[in-house]
Amino acid sequence: MSTTEVIEQALRLKAAERYLLLELLHQSLDKPDPEIDTVWQQEALRRLKAYDEGRLECVSMEEVFRDL
């Protein structure tokens, strides 16, 4: 069965069934990736070290969200 056929069949489902399908698909994509987690952990530690050494400027949360 092709992707197009799957989509066409999915669109024929009742709204509640489409919502369940959507949730299941989302859960299948929302899995932790240890490699990405490691990269982010290293980046966080790098930034913390730079802050501790005075090489990184600190900006308050209020300042960050003020411009949004």
C-alpha atoms as a PDB file:
ATOM      1  CA  MET A   1       0.000   0.000   0.000  1.00  0.00           C
ATOM      2  CA  SER A   2       1.400   3.404  -0.951  1.00  0.00           C
ATOM      3  CA  THR A   3       1.678   6.395   1.337  1.00  0.00           C
ATOM      4  CA  THR A   4      -1.011   8.160  -0.687  1.00  0.00           C
ATOM      5  CA  GLU A   5      -3.400   5.246  -0.169  1.00  0.00           C
ATOM      6  CA  VAL A   6      -2.716   5.219   3.570  1.00  0.00           C
ATOM      7  CA  ILE A   7      -3.401   8.955   3.780  1.00  0.00           C
ATOM      8  CA  GLU A   8      -6.612   8.621   1.761  1.00  0.00           C
ATOM      9  CA  GLN A   9      -7.826   5.849   4.056  1.00  0.00           C
ATOM     10  CA  ALA A  10      -6.851   7.801   7.165  1.00  0.00           C
ATOM     11  CA  LEU A  11      -8.832  10.809   5.973  1.00  0.00           C
ATOM     12  CA  ARG A  12     -11.933   8.617   5.682  1.00  0.00           C
ATOM     13  CA  LEU A  13     -11.780   7.754   9.394  1.00  0.00           C
ATOM     14  CA  LYS A  14     -14.109   9.353  11.932  1.00  0.00           C
ATOM     15  CA  ALA A  15     -12.689  12.400  13.703  1.00  0.00           C
ATOM     16  CA  ALA A  16     -12.007  10.494  16.936  1.00  0.00           C
ATOM     17  CA  GLU A  17     -10.172   7.778  15.019  1.00  0.00           C
ATOM     18  CA  ARG A  18      -8.092  10.360  13.124  1.00  0.00           C
ATOM     19  CA  TYR A  19      -7.215  11.997  16.433  1.00  0.00           C
ATOM     20  CA  LEU A  20      -6.096   8.639  17.871  1.00  0.00           C
ATOM     21  CA  LEU A  21      -4.008   8.008  14.756  1.00  0.00           C
ATOM     22  CA  LEU A  22      -2.478  11.462  15.068  1.00  0.00           C
ATOM     23  CA  GLU A  23      -1.564  10.832  18.712  1.00  0.00           C
ATOM     24  CA  LEU A  24       0.004   7.468  17.899  1.00  0.00           C
ATOM     25  CA  LEU A  25       2.029   8.935  15.037  1.00  0.00           C
ATOM     26  CA  HIS A  26       3.203  11.812  17.224  1.00  0.00           C
ATOM     27  CA  GLN A  27       4.267   9.439  20.007  1.00  0.00           C
ATOM     28  CA  SER A  28       6.233   7.374  17.505  1.00  0.00           C
ATOM     29  CA  LEU A  29       8.227  10.477  16.511  1.00  0.00           C
ATOM     30  CA  ASP A  30       8.675  11.934  19.980  1.00  0.00           C
ATOM     31  CA  LYS A  31      11.311   9.496  21.229  1.00  0.00           C
ATOM     32  CA  PRO A  32      14.467  10.575  23.058  1.00  0.00           C
ATOM     33  CA  ASP A  33      17.628  10.452  21.003  1.00  0.00           C
ATOM     34  CA  PRO A  34      20.646   9.686  23.243  1.00  0.00           C
ATOM     35  CA  GLU A  35      23.053  11.187  20.716  1.00  0.00           C
ATOM     36  CA  ILE A  36      21.186  14.503  20.627  1.00  0.00           C
ATOM     37  CA  ASP A  37      20.820  14.463  24.420  1.00  0.00           C
ATOM     38  CA  THR A  38      24.593  14.040  24.752  1.00  0.00           C
ATOM     39  CA  VAL A  39      25.279  16.929  22.383  1.00  0.00           C
ATOM     40  CA  TRP A  40      22.920  19.212  24.327  1.00  0.00           C
ATOM     41  CA  GLN A  41      24.451  18.147  27.647  1.00  0.00           C
ATOM     42  CA  GLN A  42      27.939  19.006  26.368  1.00  0.00           C
ATOM     43  CA  GLU A  43      26.680  22.366  25.075  1.00  0.00           C
ATOM     44  CA  ALA A  44      25.027  23.177  28.406  1.00  0.00           C
ATOM     45  CA  LEU A  45      28.238  22.353  30.279  1.00  0.00           C
ATOM     46  CA  ARG A  46      30.268  24.447  27.805  1.00  0.00           C
ATOM     47  CA  ARG A  47      27.970  27.418  28.349  1.00  0.00           C
ATOM     48  CA  LEU A  48      28.004  27.008  32.133  1.00  0.00           C
ATOM     49  CA  LYS A  49      31.812  26.939  32.143  1.00  0.00           C
ATOM     50  CA  ALA A  50      31.937  30.069  29.957  1.00  0.00           C
ATOM     51  CA  TYR A  51      29.507  31.811  32.336  1.00  0.00           C
ATOM     52  CA  ASP A  52      31.513  30.754  35.403  1.00  0.00           C
ATOM     53  CA  GLU A  53      34.677  32.088  33.766  1.00  0.00           C
ATOM     54  CA  GLY A  54      33.010  35.415  32.924  1.00  0.00           C
ATOM     55  CA  ARG A  55      33.144  34.827  29.170  1.00  0.00           C
ATOM     56  CA  LEU A  56      29.372  34.684  28.730  1.00  0.00           C
ATOM     57  CA  GLU A  57      26.987  37.546  29.391  1.00  0.00           C
ATOM     58  CA  CYS A  58      23.877  36.778  31.396  1.00  0.00           C
ATOM     59  CA  VAL A  59      20.523  38.189  30.277  1.00  0.00           C
ATOM     60  CA  SER A  60      17.477  38.100  32.538  1.00  0.00           C
ATOM     61  CA  MET A  61      14.373  36.218  31.495  1.00  0.00           C
ATOM     62  CA  GLU A  62      12.440  39.484  31.586  1.00  0.00           C
ATOM     63  CA  GLU A  63      14.835  41.001  29.037  1.00  0.00           C
ATOM     64  CA  VAL A  64      14.559  37.988  26.750  1.00  0.00           C
ATOM     65  CA  PHE A  65      10.758  37.968  26.710  1.00  0.00           C
ATOM     66  CA  ARG A  66      10.365  41.745  26.613  1.00  0.00           C
ATOM     67  CA  ASP A  67      11.284  41.831  22.923  1.00  0.00           C
ATOM     68  CA  LEU A  68       8.914  39.053  21.918  1.00  0.00           C
END
